[in-house]
């Protein structure tokens, strides 16, 4: 699994190469992540800036959440997670990190990430995990999976009220 520091360093270097080309940076000046404002996440540079701002904090916040979830589960050999609005799959990295902290490296993960945007900096899949990234509207997808038995549905935004554990 990629180290989170190396992951962010790679993103930083890509953004630095872009900036070094003397491009207009006006799109960053008007960027706003507050009060429901949605930047154009299809733009790779917006993705880079967003990830550099928030990925590290989210990674460890989600890792702590997964540690709490794992502590409520009996000794599991596998876990299935559906992440709605998964972005770059930082929450997948967080789950792996939580499993590493609990010394459960043999626990396999079946991860389904759903996002409307095809993010450029997806966390790479760990060996022996099953990872799927679906580019579609989550509401449509959730209507399809009503009858599936999932271990966990992970909504990235409102952690306290949005984690569903089966």
Protein backbone atom coordinates (compact mmCIF):
# COMPACT_ATOMS: atom_id res chain seq x y z
CA UNK A 1 0.00 0.00 0.00
CA UNK A 2 1.28 3.44 -0.88
CA UNK A 3 2.52 5.61 1.97
CA UNK A 4 0.22 8.64 2.38
CA UNK A 5 3.20 10.99 2.47
CA UNK A 6 4.52 9.61 -0.83
CA UNK A 7 1.02 9.79 -2.34
CA UNK A 8 0.78 13.51 -1.49
CA UNK A 9 4.37 14.15 -2.60
CA UNK A 10 3.56 12.70 -6.04
CA UNK A 11 0.51 14.98 -6.32
CA UNK A 12 2.55 17.98 -5.18
CA UNK A 13 5.23 17.31 -7.80
CA UNK A 14 2.60 17.02 -10.55
CA UNK A 15 1.04 20.33 -9.50
CA UNK A 16 4.48 21.95 -9.29
CA UNK A 17 5.24 20.87 -12.89
CA UNK A 18 1.96 22.47 -13.98
CA UNK A 19 2.74 25.75 -12.16
CA UNK A 20 6.29 25.80 -13.56
CA UNK A 21 4.81 26.12 -17.07
CA UNK A 22 3.83 29.76 -16.37
CA UNK A 23 0.12 29.03 -16.60
CA UNK A 24 -2.58 31.35 -15.35
CA UNK A 25 -3.49 30.39 -11.81
CA UNK A 26 -6.70 32.43 -11.69
CA UNK A 27 -8.85 29.32 -11.35
CA UNK A 28 -7.30 28.69 -7.92
CA UNK A 29 -8.09 32.21 -6.71
CA UNK A 30 -11.84 31.67 -7.09
CA UNK A 31 -11.79 28.16 -5.67
CA UNK A 32 -14.20 27.72 -2.79
CA UNK A 33 -14.88 24.54 -0.81
CA UNK A 34 -17.21 26.22 1.69
CA UNK A 35 -20.98 26.21 2.20
CA UNK A 36 -21.86 23.66 -0.45
CA UNK A 37 -19.80 25.26 -3.22
CA UNK A 38 -18.65 22.57 -5.63
CA UNK A 39 -15.47 23.18 -7.60
CA UNK A 40 -14.97 21.54 -10.98
CA UNK A 41 -13.43 18.27 -9.83
CA UNK A 42 -13.10 17.16 -13.46
CA UNK A 43 -10.15 19.57 -13.62
CA UNK A 44 -7.02 17.66 -12.59
CA UNK A 45 -5.45 20.75 -11.03
CA UNK A 46 -8.50 21.32 -8.85
CA UNK A 47 -8.20 17.69 -7.78
CA UNK A 48 -4.53 18.23 -6.95
CA UNK A 49 -5.22 21.29 -4.84
CA UNK A 50 -8.15 19.63 -3.07
CA UNK A 51 -6.11 16.53 -2.23
CA UNK A 52 -3.14 18.57 -1.04
CA UNK A 53 -5.46 20.56 1.23
CA UNK A 54 -7.59 17.78 2.66
CA UNK A 55 -6.38 14.23 1.92
CA UNK A 56 -3.99 13.90 4.84
CA UNK A 57 -6.56 15.00 7.41
CA UNK A 58 -9.33 12.89 5.88
CA UNK A 59 -7.06 9.86 5.68
CA UNK A 60 -6.49 9.81 9.42
CA UNK A 61 -10.02 10.87 10.35
CA UNK A 62 -11.41 7.97 8.30
CA UNK A 63 -8.76 5.63 9.67
CA UNK A 64 -9.92 6.43 13.19
CA UNK A 65 -13.52 5.82 12.14
CA UNK A 66 -12.56 2.44 10.66
CA UNK A 67 -10.70 1.53 13.86
CA UNK A 68 -13.93 2.18 15.75
CA UNK A 69 -15.93 0.09 13.28
CA UNK A 70 -13.43 -2.78 13.35
CA UNK A 71 -13.48 -2.82 17.16
CA UNK A 72 -17.24 -3.51 16.99
CA UNK A 73 -16.82 -6.44 14.63
CA UNK A 74 -15.88 -9.94 15.61
CA UNK A 75 -12.68 -11.39 14.25
CA UNK A 76 -13.27 -10.85 10.53
CA UNK A 77 -11.33 -12.31 7.61
CA UNK A 78 -12.89 -9.98 5.07
CA UNK A 79 -14.81 -6.74 4.92
CA UNK A 80 -16.99 -5.28 2.17
CA UNK A 81 -17.29 -1.53 1.86
CA UNK A 82 -19.26 0.65 -0.50
CA UNK A 83 -18.05 4.25 -0.48
CA UNK A 84 -20.42 6.83 -1.89
CA UNK A 85 -18.65 9.92 -3.21
CA UNK A 86 -15.32 8.15 -2.80
CA UNK A 87 -13.25 10.65 -4.80
CA UNK A 88 -9.68 9.37 -4.88
CA UNK A 89 -10.52 6.49 -2.50
CA UNK A 90 -8.75 8.00 0.50
CA UNK A 91 -11.17 6.02 2.66
CA UNK A 92 -9.85 2.78 1.11
CA UNK A 93 -6.33 3.80 2.16
CA UNK A 94 -7.75 4.55 5.61
CA UNK A 95 -9.32 1.10 5.93
CA UNK A 96 -6.04 -0.58 4.99
CA UNK A 97 -4.22 1.66 7.47
CA UNK A 98 -6.70 0.74 10.22
CA UNK A 99 -6.26 -2.97 9.46
CA UNK A 100 -2.48 -2.53 9.62
CA UNK A 101 -2.79 -0.83 13.01
CA UNK A 102 -4.93 -3.73 14.27
CA UNK A 103 -2.37 -6.23 12.85
CA UNK A 104 -5.01 -7.69 10.54
CA UNK A 105 -3.00 -7.69 7.32
CA UNK A 106 -4.64 -10.93 6.20
CA UNK A 107 -8.12 -9.39 6.20
CA UNK A 108 -9.24 -9.00 2.59
CA UNK A 109 -11.23 -6.02 1.41
CA UNK A 110 -13.97 -5.85 -1.20
CA UNK A 111 -14.29 -2.14 -1.91
CA UNK A 112 -16.75 -0.47 -4.26
CA UNK A 113 -16.18 3.25 -4.70
CA UNK A 114 -18.82 5.37 -6.42
CA UNK A 115 -18.25 8.89 -7.68
CA UNK A 116 -19.60 11.08 -10.47
CA UNK A 117 -16.03 12.13 -11.31
CA UNK A 118 -13.24 9.87 -12.53
CA UNK A 119 -10.51 11.07 -10.16
CA UNK A 120 -6.96 10.98 -11.47
CA UNK A 121 -5.23 10.14 -8.18
CA UNK A 122 -6.98 6.98 -7.04
CA UNK A 123 -5.32 5.06 -4.23
CA UNK A 124 -3.75 1.93 -5.76
CA UNK A 125 -5.31 -1.42 -4.95
CA UNK A 126 -3.61 -3.60 -2.36
CA UNK A 127 -2.71 -7.11 -3.47
CA UNK A 128 -5.51 -9.65 -2.85
CA UNK A 129 -8.20 -6.97 -2.42
CA UNK A 130 -11.09 -6.56 -4.84
CA UNK A 131 -11.54 -2.91 -5.73
CA UNK A 132 -14.12 -1.44 -8.11
CA UNK A 133 -14.50 2.24 -9.03
CA UNK A 134 -17.86 3.14 -10.54
CA UNK A 135 -18.34 6.45 -12.27
CA UNK A 136 -22.02 7.20 -11.84
CA UNK A 137 -24.62 8.97 -9.80
CA UNK A 138 -24.73 7.34 -6.35
CA UNK A 139 -28.51 7.65 -6.05
CA UNK A 140 -28.97 5.43 -9.10
CA UNK A 141 -26.47 2.91 -7.79
CA UNK A 142 -28.04 2.73 -4.34
CA UNK A 143 -31.40 1.86 -5.88
CA UNK A 144 -29.75 -1.14 -7.56
CA UNK A 145 -28.00 -2.51 -4.45
CA UNK A 146 -30.94 -2.48 -2.05
CA UNK A 147 -30.90 -6.28 -1.85
CA UNK A 148 -27.15 -6.75 -1.36
CA UNK A 149 -25.69 -7.68 2.00
CA UNK A 150 -22.96 -5.17 2.70
CA UNK A 151 -20.72 -4.92 5.73
CA UNK A 152 -20.46 -1.15 5.55
CA UNK A 153 -21.70 1.78 3.46
CA UNK A 154 -19.43 4.78 3.78
CA UNK A 155 -20.68 8.28 2.93
CA UNK A 156 -17.70 10.63 2.83
CA UNK A 157 -19.38 13.81 3.94
CA UNK A 158 -21.18 13.56 7.25
CA UNK A 159 -19.28 10.88 9.14
CA UNK A 160 -21.26 10.81 12.35
CA UNK A 161 -24.60 10.31 10.67
CA UNK A 162 -23.64 8.45 7.54
CA UNK A 163 -21.84 5.22 8.39
CA UNK A 164 -24.09 2.19 8.05
CA UNK A 165 -22.73 -1.07 9.44
CA UNK A 166 -24.56 -4.30 8.85
